[in-house]
Amino acid sequence: MAKKSKKASEPTGIAAIIAWFRTLLGAIVVVMLINGAIVASFVVPTASMERTVMTGDFLFVNKFIYGPTTPQVVPFINMPLPFYKFPGYRKPKLSDVIVFIYPGNRDEIEPSVFNYYLKRCCGTPGDEIQLKDKQLFVNGTKIPLAPNGVYIPELPDHPANFPFGNDFSRDNYGPLRIPKAGDVIKINPENLRVWDVLIKREGHEVVSNGSEIQIDGKVATSYTVKRNYYFGMGDNRDNSEDSRSWGFIPEDNIIGSPMFVYWSWDTNLPLISEFFTKLTTIRWSRIATIIR
């Protein structure tokens, strides 16, 4: 009996297309699992952390440190997914560089676009933070600027956006206590705008008629915080949209800490039409830089 040729045994037509899609789907699932549980790649999009990291740095992020997660986003189309976060081997600490899912603008219950941000942890749950002439104090202790951090002493100050109704500025901010799980917050119609978004982000319905507040249909004069929160700022302190602008970072949103730079070049140049010019922008000195 003649042996079947290898070519004859290969799938053809619709069968070949189905086999190709199965292979592609399997590869995407593997990438999503690795990306969620162990290590991920992150491209620095802005100058808010320069000179610690540079715009166009490609970083490997340790996602195991604060707790691996199920996949958070569908690759290529950037569609967010509900995810579960497993316990990590430690919590974020003061001065850690953290990568997190952007929680949204100050008044947004959910962000309009799914993005990862990179900032330095400048306050942990229960801490009281304050900036005095750009200098950070946490629980009354002066916290030095990161070794590669920078600010411009003579740059004019301007108002901070968060929290609502405050008279803080970006250089003279606080004092402000960062909420932690179990904190009991007194709420009333006058201060509700400050806490409304946080309560709604924790899954509750909030209604006020101007004289009383209802949470999930029940009259409330206080609220018990369910999650831990953090405060992040950029090392490029005067060129950073951070917690001073949009607010607290929920602990579950913090997905890892950057380890080192594995590639760095000008991401503003198009890859195809400016390929050779783009090659000249490679920052060889940045590659293998450890992020601290």
C-alpha atoms as a PDB file:
ATOM      1  CA  MET A   1       0.000   0.000   0.000  1.00  0.00           C
ATOM      2  CA  ALA A   2       1.393   3.383  -0.963  1.00  0.00           C
ATOM      3  CA  LYS A   3       2.152   5.818   1.871  1.00  0.00           C
ATOM      4  CA  LYS A   4       0.170   9.040   2.026  1.00  0.00           C
ATOM      5  CA  SER A   5       2.301  12.039   1.240  1.00  0.00           C
ATOM      6  CA  LYS A   6       2.860  14.600   3.999  1.00  0.00           C
ATOM      7  CA  LYS A   7       1.361  17.253   1.776  1.00  0.00           C
ATOM      8  CA  ALA A   8      -1.853  15.257   1.393  1.00  0.00           C
ATOM      9  CA  SER A   9      -2.263  15.016   5.184  1.00  0.00           C
ATOM     10  CA  GLU A  10      -1.996  18.762   5.763  1.00  0.00           C
ATOM     11  CA  PRO A  11      -5.290  20.651   6.229  1.00  0.00           C
ATOM     12  CA  THR A  12      -6.459  22.672   3.278  1.00  0.00           C
ATOM     13  CA  GLY A  13      -9.066  25.325   2.585  1.00  0.00           C
ATOM     14  CA  ILE A  14     -11.434  26.045   5.471  1.00  0.00           C
ATOM     15  CA  ALA A  15      -9.722  23.423   7.644  1.00  0.00           C
ATOM     16  CA  ALA A  16      -6.395  25.223   7.221  1.00  0.00           C
ATOM     17  CA  ILE A  17      -7.950  28.576   8.146  1.00  0.00           C
ATOM     18  CA  ILE A  18      -9.567  27.065  11.259  1.00  0.00           C
ATOM     19  CA  ALA A  19      -6.246  25.489  12.276  1.00  0.00           C
ATOM     20  CA  TRP A  20      -4.492  28.855  11.829  1.00  0.00           C
ATOM     21  CA  PHE A  21      -7.057  30.677  13.973  1.00  0.00           C
ATOM     22  CA  ARG A  22      -6.760  28.008  16.685  1.00  0.00           C
ATOM     23  CA  THR A  23      -2.990  28.480  16.759  1.00  0.00           C
ATOM     24  CA  LEU A  24      -3.344  32.256  16.896  1.00  0.00           C
ATOM     25  CA  LEU A  25      -5.984  32.064  19.645  1.00  0.00           C
ATOM     26  CA  GLY A  26      -3.802  29.698  21.654  1.00  0.00           C
ATOM     27  CA  ALA A  27      -0.848  32.078  21.361  1.00  0.00           C
ATOM     28  CA  ILE A  28      -2.991  35.043  22.488  1.00  0.00           C
ATOM     29  CA  VAL A  29      -4.278  33.110  25.506  1.00  0.00           C
ATOM     30  CA  VAL A  30      -0.716  32.152  26.531  1.00  0.00           C
ATOM     31  CA  VAL A  31       0.431  35.771  26.201  1.00  0.00           C
ATOM     32  CA  MET A  32      -2.538  36.978  28.253  1.00  0.00           C
ATOM     33  CA  LEU A  33      -1.840  34.475  31.032  1.00  0.00           C
ATOM     34  CA  ILE A  34       1.877  35.280  31.202  1.00  0.00           C
ATOM     35  CA  ASN A  35       1.139  39.002  30.996  1.00  0.00           C
ATOM     36  CA  GLY A  36      -1.363  38.758  33.846  1.00  0.00           C
ATOM     37  CA  ALA A  37       0.528  36.493  36.197  1.00  0.00           C
ATOM     38  CA  ILE A  38       4.282  36.914  35.897  1.00  0.00           C
ATOM     39  CA  VAL A  39       5.864  39.608  33.769  1.00  0.00           C
ATOM     40  CA  ALA A  40       4.655  42.200  31.269  1.00  0.00           C
ATOM     41  CA  SER A  41       6.074  44.767  28.909  1.00  0.00           C
ATOM     42  CA  PHE A  42       5.346  48.472  29.407  1.00  0.00           C
ATOM     43  CA  VAL A  43       6.251  51.404  27.160  1.00  0.00           C
ATOM     44  CA  VAL A  44       6.775  54.732  28.931  1.00  0.00           C
ATOM     45  CA  PRO A  45       4.414  57.174  27.165  1.00  0.00           C
ATOM     46  CA  THR A  46       5.120  60.497  28.927  1.00  0.00           C
ATOM     47  CA  ALA A  47       7.881  62.492  30.584  1.00  0.00           C
ATOM     48  CA  SER A  48       6.305  62.472  34.057  1.00  0.00           C
ATOM     49  CA  MET A  49       8.967  60.113  35.483  1.00  0.00           C
ATOM     50  CA  GLU A  50      12.005  61.506  33.680  1.00  0.00           C
ATOM     51  CA  ARG A  51      14.869  61.117  34.525  1.00  0.00           C
ATOM     52  CA  THR A  52      14.133  57.856  36.353  1.00  0.00           C
ATOM     53  CA  VAL A  53      12.637  56.482  33.146  1.00  0.00           C
ATOM     54  CA  MET A  54      12.530  58.160  29.757  1.00  0.00           C
ATOM     55  CA  THR A  55       9.752  58.547  27.217  1.00  0.00           C
ATOM     56  CA  GLY A  56      10.231  55.630  24.827  1.00  0.00           C
ATOM     57  CA  ASP A  57      11.772  53.268  27.403  1.00  0.00           C
ATOM     58  CA  PHE A  58      10.464  49.703  27.103  1.00  0.00           C
ATOM     59  CA  LEU A  59      10.297  48.098  30.558  1.00  0.00           C
ATOM     60  CA  PHE A  60       9.789  44.630  31.916  1.00  0.00           C
ATOM     61  CA  VAL A  61       7.315  44.791  34.802  1.00  0.00           C
ATOM     62  CA  ASN A  62       7.321  42.354  37.730  1.00  0.00           C
ATOM     63  CA  LYS A  63       3.626  41.489  38.144  1.00  0.00           C
ATOM     64  CA  PHE A  64       4.175  38.801  40.755  1.00  0.00           C
ATOM     65  CA  ILE A  65       5.427  41.181  43.455  1.00  0.00           C
ATOM     66  CA  TYR A  66       2.060  42.752  44.387  1.00  0.00           C
ATOM     67  CA  GLY A  67      -0.062  39.804  43.287  1.00  0.00           C
ATOM     68  CA  PRO A  68      -0.621  38.138  39.898  1.00  0.00           C
ATOM     69  CA  THR A  69      -3.956  38.680  38.195  1.00  0.00           C
ATOM     70  CA  THR A  70      -6.143  37.079  35.631  1.00  0.00           C
ATOM     71  CA  PRO A  71      -5.866  38.861  32.242  1.00  0.00           C
ATOM     72  CA  GLN A  72      -6.895  42.524  32.477  1.00  0.00           C
ATOM     73  CA  VAL A  73      -7.108  43.403  28.804  1.00  0.00           C
ATOM     74  CA  VAL A  74      -7.524  41.729  25.426  1.00  0.00           C
ATOM     75  CA  PRO A  75      -4.274  42.161  23.454  1.00  0.00           C
ATOM     76  CA  PHE A  76      -4.215  44.329  20.307  1.00  0.00           C
ATOM     77  CA  ILE A  77      -7.696  45.819  20.825  1.00  0.00           C
ATOM     78  CA  ASN A  78      -7.057  47.117  24.363  1.00  0.00           C
ATOM     79  CA  MET A  79     -10.474  45.978  25.611  1.00  0.00           C
ATOM     80  CA  PRO A  80     -10.534  45.833  29.443  1.00  0.00           C
ATOM     81  CA  LEU A  81     -11.658  42.640  31.161  1.00  0.00           C
ATOM     82  CA  PRO A  82     -12.964  41.989  34.681  1.00  0.00           C
ATOM     83  CA  PHE A  83     -10.023  40.510  36.555  1.00  0.00           C
ATOM     84  CA  TYR A  84      -9.180  38.843  39.835  1.00  0.00           C
ATOM     85  CA  LYS A  85      -6.053  39.752  41.776  1.00  0.00           C
ATOM     86  CA  PHE A  86      -4.293  37.070  43.822  1.00  0.00           C
ATOM     87  CA  PRO A  87      -2.301  37.878  46.974  1.00  0.00           C
ATOM     88  CA  GLY A  88       1.248  39.081  46.380  1.00  0.00           C
ATOM     89  CA  TYR A  89       4.289  38.539  48.518  1.00  0.00           C
ATOM     90  CA  ARG A  90       4.257  42.160  49.676  1.00  0.00           C
ATOM     91  CA  LYS A  91       2.307  45.413  49.493  1.00  0.00           C
ATOM     92  CA  PRO A  92       3.511  48.528  47.660  1.00  0.00           C
ATOM     93  CA  LYS A  93       5.808  50.569  49.875  1.00  0.00           C
ATOM     94  CA  LEU A  94       6.593  54.254  50.099  1.00  0.00           C
ATOM     95  CA  SER A  95       8.969  55.261  47.258  1.00  0.00           C
ATOM     96  CA  ASP A  96       8.306  52.139  45.148  1.00  0.00           C
ATOM     97  CA  VAL A  97       7.904  52.798  41.433  1.00  0.00           C
ATOM     98  CA  ILE A  98       4.502  51.320  40.585  1.00  0.00           C
ATOM     99  CA  VAL A  99       2.623  50.421  37.403  1.00  0.00           C
ATOM    100  CA  PHE A 100      -1.153  50.601  37.744  1.00  0.00           C
ATOM    101  CA  ILE A 101      -4.397  50.753  35.834  1.00  0.00           C
ATOM    102  CA  TYR A 102      -5.397  54.400  35.571  1.00  0.00           C
ATOM    103  CA  PRO A 103      -8.492  54.821  37.795  1.00  0.00           C
ATOM    104  CA  GLY A 104      -9.963  57.688  35.763  1.00  0.00           C
ATOM    105  CA  ASN A 105     -10.206  61.455  36.007  1.00  0.00           C
ATOM    106  CA  ARG A 106     -11.281  63.017  39.286  1.00  0.00           C
ATOM    107  CA  ASP A 107     -14.993  62.941  38.447  1.00  0.00           C
ATOM    108  CA  GLU A 108     -15.096  59.702  36.420  1.00  0.00           C
ATOM    109  CA  ILE A 109     -16.536  56.533  37.928  1.00  0.00           C
ATOM    110  CA  GLU A 110     -14.734  54.548  35.236  1.00  0.00           C
ATOM    111  CA  PRO A 111     -11.952  55.752  32.923  1.00  0.00           C
ATOM    112  CA  SER A 112     -12.996  56.463  29.359  1.00  0.00           C
ATOM    113  CA  VAL A 113      -9.912  54.641  28.037  1.00  0.00           C
ATOM    114  CA  PHE A 114      -7.980  51.710  29.554  1.00  0.00           C
ATOM    115  CA  ASN A 115      -4.397  52.790  30.270  1.00  0.00           C
ATOM    116  CA  TYR A 116      -1.457  51.731  32.396  1.00  0.00           C
ATOM    117  CA  TYR A 117       0.340  54.516  34.290  1.00  0.00           C
ATOM    118  CA  LEU A 118       3.745  54.642  35.938  1.00  0.00           C
ATOM    119  CA  LYS A 119       4.376  56.776  39.046  1.00  0.00           C
ATOM    120  CA  ARG A 120       6.262  56.706  42.327  1.00  0.00           C
ATOM    121  CA  CYS A 121       4.333  55.693  45.428  1.00  0.00           C
ATOM    122  CA  CYS A 122       4.313  58.797  47.633  1.00  0.00           C
ATOM    123  CA  GLY A 123       1.771  57.660  50.203  1.00  0.00           C
ATOM    124  CA  THR A 124       0.298  54.381  51.446  1.00  0.00           C
ATOM    125  CA  PRO A 125      -3.072  53.577  53.112  1.00  0.00           C
ATOM    126  CA  GLY A 126      -3.586  55.633  56.280  1.00  0.00           C
ATOM    127  CA  ASP A 127      -0.649  57.984  55.627  1.00  0.00           C
ATOM    128  CA  GLU A 128      -0.981  61.741  55.909  1.00  0.00           C
ATOM    129  CA  ILE A 129       0.847  63.464  53.078  1.00  0.00           C
ATOM    130  CA  GLN A 130       1.790  67.080  52.587  1.00  0.00           C
ATOM    131  CA  LEU A 131       3.864  69.095  50.128  1.00  0.00           C
ATOM    132  CA  LYS A 132       5.562  72.254  51.370  1.00  0.00           C
ATOM    133  CA  ASP A 133       7.268  74.263  48.625  1.00  0.00           C
ATOM    134  CA  LYS A 134       7.487  71.047  46.548  1.00  0.00           C
ATOM    135  CA  GLN A 135       9.048  69.056  49.431  1.00  0.00           C
ATOM    136  CA  LEU A 136       7.113  65.884  50.348  1.00  0.00           C
ATOM    137  CA  PHE A 137       6.319  65.017  53.958  1.00  0.00           C
ATOM    138  CA  VAL A 138       4.658  61.741  54.954  1.00  0.00           C
ATOM    139  CA  ASN A 139       3.329  61.521  58.507  1.00  0.00           C
ATOM    140  CA  GLY A 140       5.477  64.550  59.313  1.00  0.00           C
ATOM    141  CA  THR A 141       8.708  62.993  58.019  1.00  0.00           C
ATOM    142  CA  LYS A 142      10.572  64.641  55.145  1.00  0.00           C
ATOM    143  CA  ILE A 143      10.859  62.273  52.172  1.00  0.00           C
ATOM    144  CA  PRO A 144      13.802  63.016  49.844  1.00  0.00           C
ATOM    145  CA  LEU A 145      13.162  63.351  46.136  1.00  0.00           C
ATOM    146  CA  ALA A 146      14.159  60.221  44.203  1.00  0.00           C
ATOM    147  CA  PRO A 147      17.845  60.176  43.116  1.00  0.00           C
ATOM    148  CA  ASN A 148      16.922  60.957  39.505  1.00  0.00           C
ATOM    149  CA  GLY A 149      13.924  63.117  40.396  1.00  0.00           C
ATOM    150  CA  VAL A 150      13.748  66.760  39.412  1.00  0.00           C
ATOM    151  CA  TYR A 151      11.728  69.881  40.073  1.00  0.00           C
ATOM    152  CA  ILE A 152      12.241  73.538  39.217  1.00  0.00           C
ATOM    153  CA  PRO A 153      12.253  75.682  42.380  1.00  0.00           C
ATOM    154  CA  GLU A 154      11.457  78.959  40.599  1.00  0.00           C
ATOM    155  CA  LEU A 155       8.588  77.559  38.486  1.00  0.00           C
ATOM    156  CA  PRO A 156       5.262  79.281  39.322  1.00  0.00           C
ATOM    157  CA  ASP A 157       2.825  77.235  41.408  1.00  0.00           C
ATOM    158  CA  HIS A 158      -0.742  76.523  40.293  1.00  0.00           C
ATOM    159  CA  PRO A 159      -3.888  74.975  41.833  1.00  0.00           C
ATOM    160  CA  ALA A 160      -4.320  71.238  42.302  1.00  0.00           C
ATOM    161  CA  ASN A 161      -7.516  69.621  41.008  1.00  0.00           C
ATOM    162  CA  PHE A 162      -7.911  66.899  43.646  1.00  0.00           C
ATOM    163  CA  PRO A 163      -9.789  66.664  45.918  1.00  0.00           C
ATOM    164  CA  PHE A 164     -12.792  68.693  44.813  1.00  0.00           C
ATOM    165  CA  GLY A 165     -13.223  72.053  46.531  1.00  0.00           C
ATOM    166  CA  ASN A 166      -9.773  72.163  48.114  1.00  0.00           C
ATOM    167  CA  ASP A 167      -7.445  75.154  48.235  1.00  0.00           C
ATOM    168  CA  PHE A 168      -4.333  73.019  47.666  1.00  0.00           C
ATOM    169  CA  SER A 169      -1.730  73.821  45.054  1.00  0.00           C
ATOM    170  CA  ARG A 170       0.605  71.396  43.321  1.00  0.00           C
ATOM    171  CA  ASP A 171       3.619  72.665  45.300  1.00  0.00           C
ATOM    172  CA  ASN A 172       1.835  73.241  48.611  1.00  0.00           C
ATOM    173  CA  TYR A 173      -0.547  70.350  48.932  1.00  0.00           C
ATOM    174  CA  GLY A 174      -2.413  68.927  51.885  1.00  0.00           C
ATOM    175  CA  PRO A 175      -2.276  67.794  54.562  1.00  0.00           C
ATOM    176  CA  LEU A 176      -4.383  64.933  53.212  1.00  0.00           C
ATOM    177  CA  ARG A 177      -5.033  61.498  54.697  1.00  0.00           C
ATOM    178  CA  ILE A 178      -5.012  58.587  52.265  1.00  0.00           C
ATOM    179  CA  PRO A 179      -7.998  56.279  52.874  1.00  0.00           C
ATOM    180  CA  LYS A 180      -7.499  52.719  54.029  1.00  0.00           C
ATOM    181  CA  ALA A 181      -9.938  49.845  54.395  1.00  0.00           C
ATOM    182  CA  GLY A 182     -12.028  50.308  57.550  1.00  0.00           C
ATOM    183  CA  ASP A 183     -11.774  54.101  57.687  1.00  0.00           C
ATOM    184  CA  VAL A 184     -15.098  55.705  58.607  1.00  0.00           C
ATOM    185  CA  ILE A 185     -15.710  58.917  56.688  1.00  0.00           C
ATOM    186  CA  LYS A 186     -18.300  61.448  57.832  1.00  0.00           C
ATOM    187  CA  ILE A 187     -20.365  62.576  54.851  1.00  0.00           C
ATOM    188  CA  ASN A 188     -22.875  65.367  54.419  1.00  0.00           C
ATOM    189  CA  PRO A 189     -24.309  67.341  51.476  1.00  0.00           C
ATOM    190  CA  GLU A 190     -21.486  69.885  51.793  1.00  0.00           C
ATOM    191  CA  ASN A 191     -18.581  67.399  51.484  1.00  0.00           C
ATOM    192  CA  LEU A 192     -20.280  64.696  49.397  1.00  0.00           C
ATOM    193  CA  ARG A 193     -18.616  65.895  46.179  1.00  0.00           C
ATOM    194  CA  VAL A 194     -15.248  65.016  47.739  1.00  0.00           C
ATOM    195  CA  TRP A 195     -16.194  61.368  48.395  1.00  0.00           C
ATOM    196  CA  ASP A 196     -18.940  60.694  45.865  1.00  0.00           C
ATOM    197  CA  VAL A 197     -16.683  59.143  43.199  1.00  0.00           C
ATOM    198  CA  LEU A 198     -14.754  56.953  45.666  1.00  0.00           C
ATOM    199  CA  ILE A 199     -18.001  55.538  47.076  1.00  0.00           C
ATOM    200  CA  LYS A 200     -19.406  54.874  43.612  1.00  0.00           C
ATOM    201  CA  ARG A 201     -16.150  53.239  42.480  1.00  0.00           C
ATOM    202  CA  GLU A 202     -16.538  50.865  45.411  1.00  0.00           C
ATOM    203  CA  GLY A 203     -19.801  49.702  43.877  1.00  0.00           C
ATOM    204  CA  HIS A 204     -22.477  51.779  45.575  1.00  0.00           C
ATOM    205  CA  GLU A 205     -25.303  54.017  44.429  1.00  0.00           C
ATOM    206  CA  VAL A 206     -25.212  57.501  45.958  1.00  0.00           C
ATOM    207  CA  VAL A 207     -28.120  59.957  45.866  1.00  0.00           C
ATOM    208  CA  SER A 208     -28.489  63.339  47.551  1.00  0.00           C
ATOM    209  CA  ASN A 209     -31.507  65.646  47.617  1.00  0.00           C
ATOM    210  CA  GLY A 210     -29.544  68.496  49.190  1.00  0.00           C
ATOM    211  CA  SER A 211     -30.610  67.770  52.780  1.00  0.00           C
ATOM    212  CA  GLU A 212     -29.778  64.071  53.149  1.00  0.00           C
ATOM    213  CA  ILE A 213     -27.649  61.418  51.471  1.00  0.00           C
ATOM    214  CA  GLN A 214     -28.702  57.899  50.597  1.00  0.00           C
ATOM    215  CA  ILE A 215     -26.261  55.076  49.852  1.00  0.00           C
ATOM    216  CA  ASP A 216     -27.915  52.076  48.213  1.00  0.00           C
ATOM    217  CA  GLY A 217     -31.312  53.476  49.199  1.00  0.00           C
ATOM    218  CA  LYS A 218     -30.490  53.980  52.895  1.00  0.00           C
ATOM    219  CA  VAL A 219     -29.941  57.325  54.629  1.00  0.00           C
ATOM    220  CA  ALA A 220     -26.250  57.674  55.499  1.00  0.00           C
ATOM    221  CA  THR A 221     -24.160  60.143  57.478  1.00  0.00           C
ATOM    222  CA  SER A 222     -20.947  58.135  57.213  1.00  0.00           C
ATOM    223  CA  TYR A 223     -19.260  55.651  54.932  1.00  0.00           C
ATOM    224  CA  THR A 224     -16.854  52.810  55.751  1.00  0.00           C
ATOM    225  CA  VAL A 225     -14.074  52.523  53.159  1.00  0.00           C
ATOM    226  CA  LYS A 226     -13.798  49.039  51.637  1.00  0.00           C
ATOM    227  CA  ARG A 227     -10.419  49.237  49.864  1.00  0.00           C
ATOM    228  CA  ASN A 228      -6.874  50.453  50.457  1.00  0.00           C
ATOM    229  CA  TYR A 229      -5.635  53.437  48.468  1.00  0.00           C
ATOM    230  CA  TYR A 230      -2.291  54.904  47.460  1.00  0.00           C
ATOM    231  CA  PHE A 231      -0.996  58.279  46.270  1.00  0.00           C
ATOM    232  CA  GLY A 232       1.322  58.516  43.274  1.00  0.00           C
ATOM    233  CA  MET A 233       3.423  61.342  41.841  1.00  0.00           C
ATOM    234  CA  GLY A 234       5.909  61.604  39.008  1.00  0.00           C
ATOM    235  CA  ASP A 235       9.624  62.047  39.674  1.00  0.00           C
ATOM    236  CA  ASN A 236       9.543  64.891  37.147  1.00  0.00           C
ATOM    237  CA  ARG A 237       7.463  66.669  39.738  1.00  0.00           C
ATOM    238  CA  ASP A 238       6.592  69.805  37.758  1.00  0.00           C
ATOM    239  CA  ASN A 239       5.631  67.921  34.587  1.00  0.00           C
ATOM    240  CA  SER A 240       3.388  65.192  35.961  1.00  0.00           C
ATOM    241  CA  GLU A 241      -0.346  64.663  35.888  1.00  0.00           C
ATOM    242  CA  ASP A 242      -0.740  62.462  38.962  1.00  0.00           C
ATOM    243  CA  SER A 243      -2.745  61.951  42.145  1.00  0.00           C
ATOM    244  CA  ARG A 244      -2.695  65.697  42.728  1.00  0.00           C
ATOM    245  CA  SER A 245      -4.843  65.969  39.595  1.00  0.00           C
ATOM    246  CA  TRP A 246      -7.048  62.860  39.562  1.00  0.00           C
ATOM    247  CA  GLY A 247      -6.912  61.250  42.989  1.00  0.00           C
ATOM    248  CA  PHE A 248      -6.191  58.048  44.864  1.00  0.00           C
ATOM    249  CA  ILE A 249      -5.009  54.767  43.345  1.00  0.00           C
ATOM    250  CA  PRO A 250      -6.966  51.685  44.508  1.00  0.00           C
ATOM    251  CA  GLU A 251      -4.706  48.868  45.672  1.00  0.00           C
ATOM    252  CA  ASP A 252      -6.305  46.416  43.243  1.00  0.00           C
ATOM    253  CA  ASN A 253      -5.289  48.686  40.351  1.00  0.00           C
ATOM    254  CA  ILE A 254      -1.582  48.364  41.175  1.00  0.00           C
ATOM    255  CA  ILE A 255      -0.323  45.543  38.992  1.00  0.00           C
ATOM    256  CA  GLY A 256       3.455  45.561  39.323  1.00  0.00           C
ATOM    257  CA  SER A 257       6.802  47.288  39.593  1.00  0.00           C
ATOM    258  CA  PRO A 258       9.191  47.919  36.678  1.00  0.00           C
ATOM    259  CA  MET A 259      12.442  45.941  36.751  1.00  0.00           C
ATOM    260  CA  PHE A 260      14.691  47.181  33.955  1.00  0.00           C
ATOM    261  CA  VAL A 261      14.783  48.784  30.512  1.00  0.00           C
ATOM    262  CA  TYR A 262      15.116  46.274  27.668  1.00  0.00           C
ATOM    263  CA  TRP A 263      14.818  48.769  24.791  1.00  0.00           C
ATOM    264  CA  SER A 264      14.668  52.526  24.326  1.00  0.00           C
ATOM    265  CA  TRP A 265      14.133  54.769  21.300  1.00  0.00           C
ATOM    266  CA  ASP A 266      12.006  57.615  19.977  1.00  0.00           C
ATOM    267  CA  THR A 267       8.451  56.275  19.885  1.00  0.00           C
ATOM    268  CA  ASN A 268       7.159  59.418  18.171  1.00  0.00           C
ATOM    269  CA  LEU A 269       8.743  58.439  14.843  1.00  0.00           C
ATOM    270  CA  PRO A 270       6.672  56.059  12.669  1.00  0.00           C
ATOM    271  CA  LEU A 271       8.170  52.577  12.445  1.00  0.00           C
ATOM    272  CA  ILE A 272       7.733  51.987   8.705  1.00  0.00           C
ATOM    273  CA  SER A 273       8.246  55.320   6.947  1.00  0.00           C
ATOM    274  CA  GLU A 274      11.013  56.514   9.304  1.00  0.00           C
ATOM    275  CA  PHE A 275      12.573  53.156  10.159  1.00  0.00           C
ATOM    276  CA  PHE A 276      16.232  54.012   9.509  1.00  0.00           C
ATOM    277  CA  THR A 277      15.916  57.392  11.196  1.00  0.00           C
ATOM    278  CA  LYS A 278      14.261  55.634  14.119  1.00  0.00           C
ATOM    279  CA  LEU A 279      17.244  53.307  14.432  1.00  0.00           C
ATOM    280  CA  THR A 280      19.509  56.310  15.002  1.00  0.00           C
ATOM    281  CA  THR A 281      17.447  57.238  18.079  1.00  0.00           C
ATOM    282  CA  ILE A 282      18.195  54.001  19.967  1.00  0.00           C
ATOM    283  CA  ARG A 283      19.447  54.892  23.451  1.00  0.00           C
ATOM    284  CA  TRP A 284      22.004  52.149  23.980  1.00  0.00           C
ATOM    285  CA  SER A 285      22.973  53.556  27.367  1.00  0.00           C
ATOM    286  CA  ARG A 286      19.404  53.041  28.645  1.00  0.00           C
ATOM    287  CA  ILE A 287      19.241  49.334  27.827  1.00  0.00           C
ATOM    288  CA  ALA A 288      19.580  47.122  30.960  1.00  0.00           C
ATOM    289  CA  THR A 289      19.053  50.153  33.225  1.00  0.00           C
ATOM    290  CA  ILE A 290      17.605  48.999  36.580  1.00  0.00           C
ATOM    291  CA  ILE A 291      14.588  51.033  37.724  1.00  0.00           C
ATOM    292  CA  ARG A 292      14.733  52.195  41.319  1.00  0.00           C
END
